[in-house]
Amino acid sequence: MSSPVPTITPTPDHSRRGSAWEVFLAFLQLGLTSFGGPIAHLAYFRAEFVQRRHWLDDQSYSDLVALCQFLPGPASSQVGIALGWGRAGWRGAAAAWSGFTLPSALVLIVFALGIQQWSGLAQSGAIHGLKVVAVAVVAQAVWGMAKSLCPDAPRAAMALGAALVVLVFSATWVQFAVILMGACVGNVFLKHSTIAPTSTHNDFGVSKKTGAFLLGTFATLLAGLPWLASAMHSPALSSFSQFYQAGALVFGGGHVVLPLLQSAVVPNGLLSNDTFLAGYGAAQAVPGPLFTFAAYLGAAMPEPLGGWTGGVLLLVAIFLPAFLLVAGALPFWQTLRQQTHAQRTMAGINASVVGILLAALYDPVWTSAIHTRTDFALALAAFGLLVIAKASPVWVVMGAATAGVVLGW
């Protein structure tokens, strides 16, 4: 009878052993190959860093995933940032984010520059195909999130109510208000815990003092950037502030950021809705986090943003809250996640998020892309491939772009 395989439970010193370069190369490989969205990313991370590299054990990894799902922002990127921090300190966190994010960000910036240089590209059949496939991608996100986050009548009702409010009142602040209302209603009325308790917690080397400072910095920027942008009358700082808010207040993953970013750049004329949705469709065809869509938007904007400067600036803006939140919350998470009120609050927020995404599925995604029966047929086919056939999103996106060319849109 063979002896059981021992579980590797790293101490803080063990988990921090390594170099930033090692972290960068490990995450660069994932940034070049990790298709399939945040859930797939988390599976790739577990295979690479738990099973193959043994940077931490399975229980500690599960605890870390729970934290990042509780926080607003891009969950898979936050898990990567925390893994890098635990391996090589703040340099490792920066290296993990860079390796995982830069491949898709660079491709999307180049794509944005191509749309700017060739004005006819935004009206081409391939771009229309990308807009149509965006309908299927967002519909898949709504379908999957509704099944997991709205499993009962109260949460389903909250999601529908949130969608109605967002559709009737289109201002950006309404989406933030709906999330806040969801938190309050969930805390008071929901009785179902959505976060399973855990018995272990990995030390990532962040003290409570450092965590409090980082959380304070996060809150200061969230409150102060809009005021500073208004006082300085700076369009660039205003865009930075809006993208920081999007990264700071979005729950549920990359797709949920779509309505916030659309309301930040389309109504005020910074980008056309066609250009916006073309980039969103292209973002489905690249690996890595969907939040790199911000790099495309920054690169496609007019001056004083635009080009590489705008792409990098808004990429930093949307990911900066992820750094501050995940590192700041790490030393407090074990206690917080056991609190019933925190669990109920998160359940209410998640239900509201489903409603916001449902509203975005109609406007702007559906209204801007589906104009004919052929459009609807292509979107329905893409949805079937994604949901029923479990086809890779990159092949579905490429197929839709090709169909747009062949059909002569």
Protein backbone atom coordinates (compact mmCIF):
# COMPACT_ATOMS: atom_id res chain seq x y z
CA MET A 1 0.00 0.00 0.00
CA SER A 2 1.54 3.28 -1.10
CA SER A 3 1.86 6.14 1.31
CA PRO A 4 -0.31 9.20 0.70
CA VAL A 5 1.20 12.09 -1.20
CA PRO A 6 1.91 14.91 1.25
CA THR A 7 0.14 18.23 0.83
CA ILE A 8 2.52 21.12 0.19
CA THR A 9 1.60 24.01 2.47
CA PRO A 10 4.13 26.82 1.97
CA THR A 11 5.21 29.05 4.77
CA PRO A 12 5.39 32.77 4.09
CA ASP A 13 9.13 32.51 3.35
CA HIS A 14 8.56 29.66 0.93
CA SER A 15 5.71 31.38 -0.87
CA ARG A 16 7.82 34.55 -1.31
CA ARG A 17 10.91 32.73 -2.62
CA GLY A 18 11.55 33.60 -6.24
CA SER A 19 12.37 36.46 -8.56
CA ALA A 20 10.21 38.93 -10.40
CA TRP A 21 11.72 37.67 -13.67
CA GLU A 22 10.61 34.12 -12.89
CA VAL A 23 7.10 35.40 -12.19
CA PHE A 24 7.05 37.46 -15.39
CA LEU A 25 8.05 34.54 -17.61
CA ALA A 26 5.50 32.22 -16.00
CA PHE A 27 2.66 34.70 -16.50
CA LEU A 28 3.83 35.73 -19.98
CA GLN A 29 3.35 32.15 -21.10
CA LEU A 30 -0.20 32.23 -19.73
CA GLY A 31 -0.85 35.66 -21.20
CA LEU A 32 -0.04 34.29 -24.65
CA THR A 33 -2.15 31.15 -24.37
CA SER A 34 -5.00 31.68 -21.85
CA PHE A 35 -8.16 31.93 -23.92
CA GLY A 36 -11.65 31.37 -22.60
CA GLY A 37 -12.35 34.10 -20.04
CA PRO A 38 -11.77 34.40 -16.29
CA ILE A 39 -13.04 30.95 -15.30
CA ALA A 40 -10.66 29.33 -17.76
CA HIS A 41 -7.86 31.60 -16.53
CA LEU A 42 -8.37 30.41 -12.96
CA ALA A 43 -8.15 26.81 -14.15
CA TYR A 44 -4.89 27.59 -15.98
CA PHE A 45 -3.49 29.24 -12.84
CA ARG A 46 -4.35 26.26 -10.67
CA ALA A 47 -2.69 23.83 -13.09
CA GLU A 48 0.43 25.98 -13.37
CA PHE A 49 1.00 27.29 -9.84
CA VAL A 50 -0.65 24.67 -7.61
CA GLN A 51 -0.09 21.43 -9.48
CA ARG A 52 3.08 22.08 -11.49
CA ARG A 53 5.10 24.76 -9.68
CA HIS A 54 3.77 24.18 -6.13
CA TRP A 55 3.81 27.86 -5.23
CA LEU A 56 0.87 27.23 -2.86
CA ASP A 57 -1.51 24.44 -1.95
CA ASP A 58 -5.03 23.85 -3.25
CA GLN A 59 -6.79 25.13 -0.13
CA SER A 60 -4.81 28.38 -0.13
CA TYR A 61 -5.50 28.84 -3.82
CA SER A 62 -9.25 28.31 -3.33
CA ASP A 63 -9.21 30.85 -0.51
CA LEU A 64 -7.45 33.35 -2.77
CA VAL A 65 -9.98 32.81 -5.56
CA ALA A 66 -12.82 33.42 -3.09
CA LEU A 67 -11.27 36.74 -2.07
CA CYS A 68 -10.91 37.95 -5.64
CA GLN A 69 -14.48 36.95 -6.50
CA PHE A 70 -15.65 38.96 -3.49
CA LEU A 71 -13.78 42.09 -4.61
CA PRO A 72 -14.78 44.29 -7.56
CA GLY A 73 -12.53 44.20 -10.58
CA PRO A 74 -11.03 41.52 -12.86
CA ALA A 75 -10.97 38.39 -10.68
CA SER A 76 -8.43 36.37 -12.67
CA SER A 77 -6.01 39.31 -12.90
CA GLN A 78 -6.36 39.90 -9.15
CA VAL A 79 -5.57 36.26 -8.46
CA GLY A 80 -2.48 36.61 -10.66
CA ILE A 81 -1.41 39.80 -8.87
CA ALA A 82 -1.74 38.08 -5.49
CA LEU A 83 0.19 35.03 -6.68
CA GLY A 84 2.98 37.27 -7.93
CA TRP A 85 2.98 39.22 -4.66
CA GLY A 86 3.21 36.03 -2.66
CA ARG A 87 6.10 34.78 -4.79
CA ALA A 88 8.27 37.90 -5.11
CA GLY A 89 6.67 40.81 -3.27
CA TRP A 90 5.36 43.92 -5.02
CA ARG A 91 7.83 43.43 -7.88
CA GLY A 92 6.36 39.99 -8.41
CA ALA A 93 2.84 41.46 -8.43
CA ALA A 94 3.85 43.95 -11.13
CA ALA A 95 5.62 41.20 -13.08
CA ALA A 96 2.58 38.88 -12.92
CA TRP A 97 0.26 41.62 -14.15
CA SER A 98 2.64 42.66 -16.94
CA GLY A 99 3.21 39.16 -18.24
CA PHE A 100 -0.47 38.25 -18.22
CA THR A 101 -1.80 41.56 -19.57
CA LEU A 102 0.66 42.95 -22.12
CA PRO A 103 0.16 40.42 -24.97
CA SER A 104 -3.54 41.17 -25.41
CA ALA A 105 -3.12 44.89 -24.64
CA LEU A 106 -0.47 45.30 -27.35
CA VAL A 107 -2.59 43.51 -29.94
CA LEU A 108 -5.64 45.65 -29.14
CA ILE A 109 -3.66 48.90 -29.33
CA VAL A 110 -2.35 47.91 -32.77
CA PHE A 111 -5.92 47.05 -33.82
CA ALA A 112 -7.12 50.48 -32.64
CA LEU A 113 -4.37 52.22 -34.59
CA GLY A 114 -5.41 50.27 -37.68
CA ILE A 115 -9.01 51.46 -37.35
CA GLN A 116 -7.77 55.05 -37.05
CA GLN A 117 -5.47 54.81 -40.06
CA TRP A 118 -7.97 53.10 -42.37
CA SER A 119 -11.28 54.82 -41.81
CA GLY A 120 -13.15 52.28 -43.93
CA LEU A 121 -12.12 49.47 -41.60
CA ALA A 122 -14.72 50.43 -38.99
CA GLN A 123 -17.50 49.96 -41.57
CA SER A 124 -16.13 46.74 -43.09
CA GLY A 125 -17.85 43.38 -43.10
CA ALA A 126 -15.27 41.90 -40.74
CA ILE A 127 -15.94 44.61 -38.15
CA HIS A 128 -19.69 44.10 -38.44
CA GLY A 129 -19.10 40.41 -37.81
CA LEU A 130 -17.20 41.31 -34.65
CA LYS A 131 -20.11 43.47 -33.49
CA VAL A 132 -22.58 40.64 -34.10
CA VAL A 133 -20.48 38.06 -32.26
CA ALA A 134 -20.31 40.47 -29.29
CA VAL A 135 -24.06 39.85 -28.90
CA ALA A 136 -23.43 36.13 -28.51
CA VAL A 137 -20.54 36.63 -26.10
CA VAL A 138 -22.48 38.95 -23.81
CA ALA A 139 -25.55 36.69 -23.99
CA GLN A 140 -23.40 33.74 -22.93
CA ALA A 141 -22.09 35.78 -19.99
CA VAL A 142 -25.63 36.74 -18.93
CA TRP A 143 -26.80 33.14 -19.22
CA GLY A 144 -23.94 31.69 -17.20
CA MET A 145 -23.96 34.37 -14.52
CA ALA A 146 -27.74 34.22 -14.10
CA LYS A 147 -27.62 30.47 -13.46
CA SER A 148 -24.95 30.77 -10.77
CA LEU A 149 -25.70 34.17 -9.21
CA CYS A 150 -29.53 34.26 -9.40
CA PRO A 151 -30.55 30.71 -8.45
CA ASP A 152 -33.73 31.70 -6.57
CA ALA A 153 -36.73 34.00 -7.05
CA PRO A 154 -35.54 36.92 -4.83
CA ARG A 155 -32.22 37.27 -6.65
CA ALA A 156 -33.82 36.80 -10.06
CA ALA A 157 -36.27 39.59 -9.17
CA MET A 158 -33.40 41.82 -8.08
CA ALA A 159 -31.64 41.22 -11.40
CA LEU A 160 -34.74 42.08 -13.43
CA GLY A 161 -35.35 45.19 -11.33
CA ALA A 162 -31.76 46.32 -11.84
CA ALA A 163 -32.07 45.81 -15.60
CA LEU A 164 -35.28 47.86 -15.75
CA VAL A 165 -33.75 50.75 -13.80
CA VAL A 166 -30.62 50.85 -15.97
CA LEU A 167 -32.66 50.73 -19.19
CA VAL A 168 -34.99 53.54 -18.10
CA PHE A 169 -32.29 55.78 -16.60
CA SER A 170 -29.19 55.69 -18.79
CA ALA A 171 -26.80 57.91 -16.80
CA THR A 172 -23.53 56.33 -15.63
CA TRP A 173 -24.22 57.07 -11.95
CA VAL A 174 -27.40 54.96 -12.15
CA GLN A 175 -25.31 51.81 -12.60
CA PHE A 176 -23.31 52.60 -9.47
CA ALA A 177 -26.55 53.34 -7.60
CA VAL A 178 -28.03 50.01 -8.69
CA ILE A 179 -24.97 48.16 -7.35
CA LEU A 180 -25.26 50.04 -4.04
CA MET A 181 -28.97 49.25 -3.82
CA GLY A 182 -28.24 45.59 -4.51
CA ALA A 183 -25.75 45.55 -1.65
CA CYS A 184 -28.26 47.10 0.75
CA VAL A 185 -31.17 44.86 -0.28
CA GLY A 186 -29.00 41.75 -0.16
CA ASN A 187 -27.70 42.59 3.30
CA VAL A 188 -31.21 43.09 4.67
CA PHE A 189 -33.33 40.51 2.87
CA LEU A 190 -31.22 37.69 1.44
CA LYS A 191 -30.69 34.68 3.66
CA HIS A 192 -28.53 32.55 1.42
CA SER A 193 -24.76 32.40 1.84
CA THR A 194 -22.90 32.35 -1.46
CA ILE A 195 -19.41 31.98 0.00
CA ALA A 196 -18.34 28.73 1.58
CA PRO A 197 -16.25 29.00 4.75
CA THR A 198 -12.66 27.87 4.79
CA SER A 199 -10.39 26.66 7.53
CA THR A 200 -7.01 27.83 6.23
CA HIS A 201 -5.49 31.07 5.06
CA ASN A 202 -2.22 31.66 3.25
CA ASP A 203 0.02 34.53 4.36
CA PHE A 204 1.06 36.57 1.33
CA GLY A 205 3.39 38.78 3.29
CA VAL A 206 1.17 41.88 3.47
CA SER A 207 0.82 43.36 6.96
CA LYS A 208 -2.44 44.84 8.20
CA LYS A 209 -0.77 48.24 8.35
CA THR A 210 0.23 48.02 4.70
CA GLY A 211 -3.18 46.66 3.79
CA ALA A 212 -4.94 49.56 5.50
CA PHE A 213 -2.69 52.05 3.69
CA LEU A 214 -3.45 50.49 0.30
CA LEU A 215 -7.20 50.40 0.94
CA GLY A 216 -7.03 54.03 2.05
CA THR A 217 -5.21 54.94 -1.15
CA PHE A 218 -7.87 53.12 -3.17
CA ALA A 219 -10.68 55.08 -1.48
CA THR A 220 -8.83 58.40 -1.76
CA LEU A 221 -8.33 57.99 -5.50
CA LEU A 222 -11.93 56.86 -6.00
CA ALA A 223 -13.26 59.97 -4.28
CA GLY A 224 -10.56 62.44 -5.29
CA LEU A 225 -9.91 61.76 -8.98
CA PRO A 226 -13.33 63.04 -10.23
CA TRP A 227 -12.94 66.22 -8.19
CA LEU A 228 -9.37 66.76 -9.40
CA ALA A 229 -10.34 66.17 -13.04
CA SER A 230 -13.17 68.68 -12.74
CA ALA A 231 -10.98 71.28 -11.02
CA MET A 232 -8.20 70.98 -13.61
CA HIS A 233 -10.56 70.76 -16.64
CA SER A 234 -8.36 67.96 -17.99
CA PRO A 235 -9.96 65.56 -20.53
CA ALA A 236 -7.13 63.06 -20.04
CA LEU A 237 -7.49 63.08 -16.25
CA SER A 238 -11.27 62.83 -16.61
CA SER A 239 -10.93 59.69 -18.74
CA PHE A 240 -8.38 58.27 -16.29
CA SER A 241 -10.85 58.91 -13.46
CA GLN A 242 -13.75 57.24 -15.30
CA PHE A 243 -11.70 54.15 -16.13
CA TYR A 244 -10.41 53.98 -12.55
CA GLN A 245 -14.03 54.07 -11.34
CA ALA A 246 -14.95 51.29 -13.76
CA GLY A 247 -12.13 49.09 -12.47
CA ALA A 248 -13.02 49.94 -8.88
CA LEU A 249 -16.77 49.37 -8.94
CA VAL A 250 -17.43 46.55 -11.40
CA PHE A 251 -18.39 43.18 -9.98
CA GLY A 252 -18.69 40.03 -12.04
CA GLY A 253 -15.77 40.09 -14.46
CA GLY A 254 -14.79 41.71 -17.71
CA HIS A 255 -18.14 41.63 -19.51
CA VAL A 256 -19.80 43.72 -16.82
CA VAL A 257 -17.43 46.63 -17.49
CA LEU A 258 -18.93 47.01 -20.97
CA PRO A 259 -21.84 49.37 -20.07
CA LEU A 260 -19.65 51.53 -17.83
CA LEU A 261 -16.99 52.03 -20.49
CA GLN A 262 -19.57 52.57 -23.21
CA SER A 263 -21.23 55.34 -21.20
CA ALA A 264 -17.80 56.90 -20.56
CA VAL A 265 -16.69 57.21 -24.20
CA VAL A 266 -19.69 57.04 -26.58
CA PRO A 267 -22.32 59.57 -25.38
CA ASN A 268 -19.73 62.36 -25.15
CA GLY A 269 -18.46 61.69 -28.68
CA LEU A 270 -14.99 60.38 -27.83
CA LEU A 271 -15.70 57.25 -29.88
CA SER A 272 -18.49 56.10 -32.15
CA ASN A 273 -20.56 53.15 -31.01
CA ASP A 274 -19.40 51.18 -34.09
CA THR A 275 -15.75 51.68 -33.16
CA PHE A 276 -16.50 50.77 -29.54
CA LEU A 277 -18.24 47.50 -30.39
CA ALA A 278 -15.67 46.56 -33.04
CA GLY A 279 -12.98 46.71 -30.37
CA TYR A 280 -15.11 44.74 -27.94
CA GLY A 281 -15.55 42.03 -30.53
CA ALA A 282 -11.81 41.99 -31.23
CA ALA A 283 -11.11 41.68 -27.51
CA GLN A 284 -12.84 38.28 -27.57
CA ALA A 285 -10.21 36.95 -29.99
CA VAL A 286 -7.16 37.61 -27.83
CA PRO A 287 -5.95 35.73 -24.74
CA GLY A 288 -5.65 37.25 -21.30
CA PRO A 289 -8.02 39.51 -19.34
CA LEU A 290 -10.93 41.27 -21.05
CA PHE A 291 -10.14 44.46 -19.12
CA THR A 292 -7.37 45.05 -21.71
CA PHE A 293 -10.23 46.40 -23.82
CA ALA A 294 -9.36 49.67 -22.04
CA ALA A 295 -6.08 49.78 -23.97
CA TYR A 296 -8.00 49.65 -27.25
CA LEU A 297 -10.30 52.47 -26.15
CA GLY A 298 -7.43 54.68 -25.01
CA ALA A 299 -5.57 54.13 -28.28
CA ALA A 300 -8.65 54.86 -30.40
CA MET A 301 -9.57 58.12 -28.60
CA PRO A 302 -8.83 61.57 -30.01
CA GLU A 303 -6.17 63.85 -28.53
CA PRO A 304 -4.96 64.46 -25.85
CA LEU A 305 -5.25 60.67 -25.54
CA GLY A 306 -5.01 58.28 -28.47
CA GLY A 307 -2.22 56.05 -29.71
CA TRP A 308 0.21 54.31 -27.42
CA THR A 309 0.02 57.01 -24.74
CA GLY A 310 -3.76 56.77 -24.40
CA GLY A 311 -3.72 52.98 -24.54
CA VAL A 312 -1.16 52.61 -21.76
CA LEU A 313 -2.70 55.36 -19.60
CA LEU A 314 -6.20 53.90 -19.57
CA LEU A 315 -4.87 50.36 -19.22
CA VAL A 316 -3.13 51.44 -16.00
CA ALA A 317 -6.24 53.32 -14.88
CA ILE A 318 -8.59 50.34 -15.09
CA PHE A 319 -6.18 47.89 -13.44
CA LEU A 320 -4.84 50.16 -10.66
CA PRO A 321 -7.82 49.46 -8.35
CA ALA A 322 -7.17 45.72 -8.70
CA PHE A 323 -3.65 46.16 -7.30
CA LEU A 324 -4.76 48.32 -4.39
CA LEU A 325 -7.80 46.23 -3.48
CA VAL A 326 -6.36 42.74 -3.60
CA ALA A 327 -3.14 43.60 -1.78
CA GLY A 328 -5.02 45.72 0.75
CA ALA A 329 -7.65 43.08 1.47
CA LEU A 330 -5.33 40.08 1.81
CA PRO A 331 -4.55 40.51 5.54
CA PHE A 332 -8.23 41.09 6.43
CA TRP A 333 -9.95 38.54 4.21
CA GLN A 334 -10.03 35.49 6.47
CA THR A 335 -12.06 37.32 9.11
CA LEU A 336 -14.30 39.20 6.70
CA ARG A 337 -15.47 36.26 4.64
CA GLN A 338 -16.89 34.50 7.71
CA GLN A 339 -19.30 37.38 8.36
CA THR A 340 -22.92 36.68 7.40
CA HIS A 341 -23.58 40.29 6.46
CA ALA A 342 -20.65 40.30 4.02
CA GLN A 343 -21.97 37.15 2.36
CA ARG A 344 -25.46 38.61 1.98
CA THR A 345 -24.13 41.89 0.66
CA MET A 346 -22.10 40.11 -1.99
CA ALA A 347 -25.11 38.03 -3.04
CA GLY A 348 -27.13 41.21 -3.58
CA ILE A 349 -24.35 42.87 -5.55
CA ASN A 350 -24.01 39.82 -7.79
CA ALA A 351 -27.73 39.83 -8.56
CA SER A 352 -27.58 43.51 -9.53
CA VAL A 353 -24.57 42.81 -11.73
CA VAL A 354 -26.57 40.26 -13.71
CA GLY A 355 -29.27 42.88 -14.25
CA ILE A 356 -26.78 45.51 -15.44
CA LEU A 357 -25.27 43.07 -17.92
CA LEU A 358 -28.75 42.06 -19.12
CA ALA A 359 -29.51 45.71 -19.85
CA ALA A 360 -26.20 46.08 -21.71
CA LEU A 361 -27.07 43.04 -23.82
CA TYR A 362 -29.99 45.01 -25.24
CA ASP A 363 -28.42 48.48 -25.35
CA PRO A 364 -25.83 49.04 -26.77
CA VAL A 365 -24.85 45.53 -27.88
CA TRP A 366 -28.05 44.28 -29.55
CA THR A 367 -29.36 47.62 -30.83
CA SER A 368 -26.06 48.45 -32.54
CA ALA A 369 -25.35 45.06 -34.13
CA ILE A 370 -28.61 43.28 -35.01
CA HIS A 371 -30.40 44.96 -37.90
CA THR A 372 -31.44 42.09 -40.19
CA ARG A 373 -32.47 38.46 -40.01
CA THR A 374 -29.01 37.50 -41.22
CA ASP A 375 -27.47 39.39 -38.30
CA PHE A 376 -29.69 37.55 -35.87
CA ALA A 377 -28.95 34.19 -37.51
CA LEU A 378 -25.20 34.72 -37.18
CA ALA A 379 -25.54 35.82 -33.55
CA LEU A 380 -27.71 32.79 -32.79
CA ALA A 381 -25.21 30.45 -34.45
CA ALA A 382 -22.35 31.97 -32.47
CA PHE A 383 -24.32 31.64 -29.25
CA GLY A 384 -25.00 27.97 -29.99
CA LEU A 385 -21.33 27.31 -30.68
CA LEU A 386 -20.29 28.99 -27.42
CA VAL A 387 -22.95 27.56 -25.10
CA ILE A 388 -23.90 24.19 -26.58
CA ALA A 389 -20.84 23.12 -28.57
CA LYS A 390 -18.42 24.71 -26.05
CA ALA A 391 -16.34 26.01 -28.95
CA SER A 392 -13.31 28.17 -28.29
CA PRO A 393 -14.26 31.87 -28.30
CA VAL A 394 -11.29 32.73 -30.50
CA TRP A 395 -12.53 30.44 -33.29
CA VAL A 396 -16.10 31.70 -32.95
CA VAL A 397 -14.93 35.31 -33.20
CA MET A 398 -12.71 34.60 -36.19
CA GLY A 399 -15.57 32.73 -37.86
CA ALA A 400 -17.97 35.64 -37.35
CA ALA A 401 -15.47 38.12 -38.80
CA THR A 402 -14.96 35.84 -41.82
CA ALA A 403 -18.72 35.48 -42.24
CA GLY A 404 -19.03 39.26 -42.30
CA VAL A 405 -16.59 39.42 -45.19
CA VAL A 406 -18.18 36.56 -47.12
CA LEU A 407 -21.70 37.95 -46.72
CA GLY A 408 -20.50 41.31 -47.97
CA TRP A 409 -21.74 43.46 -45.08
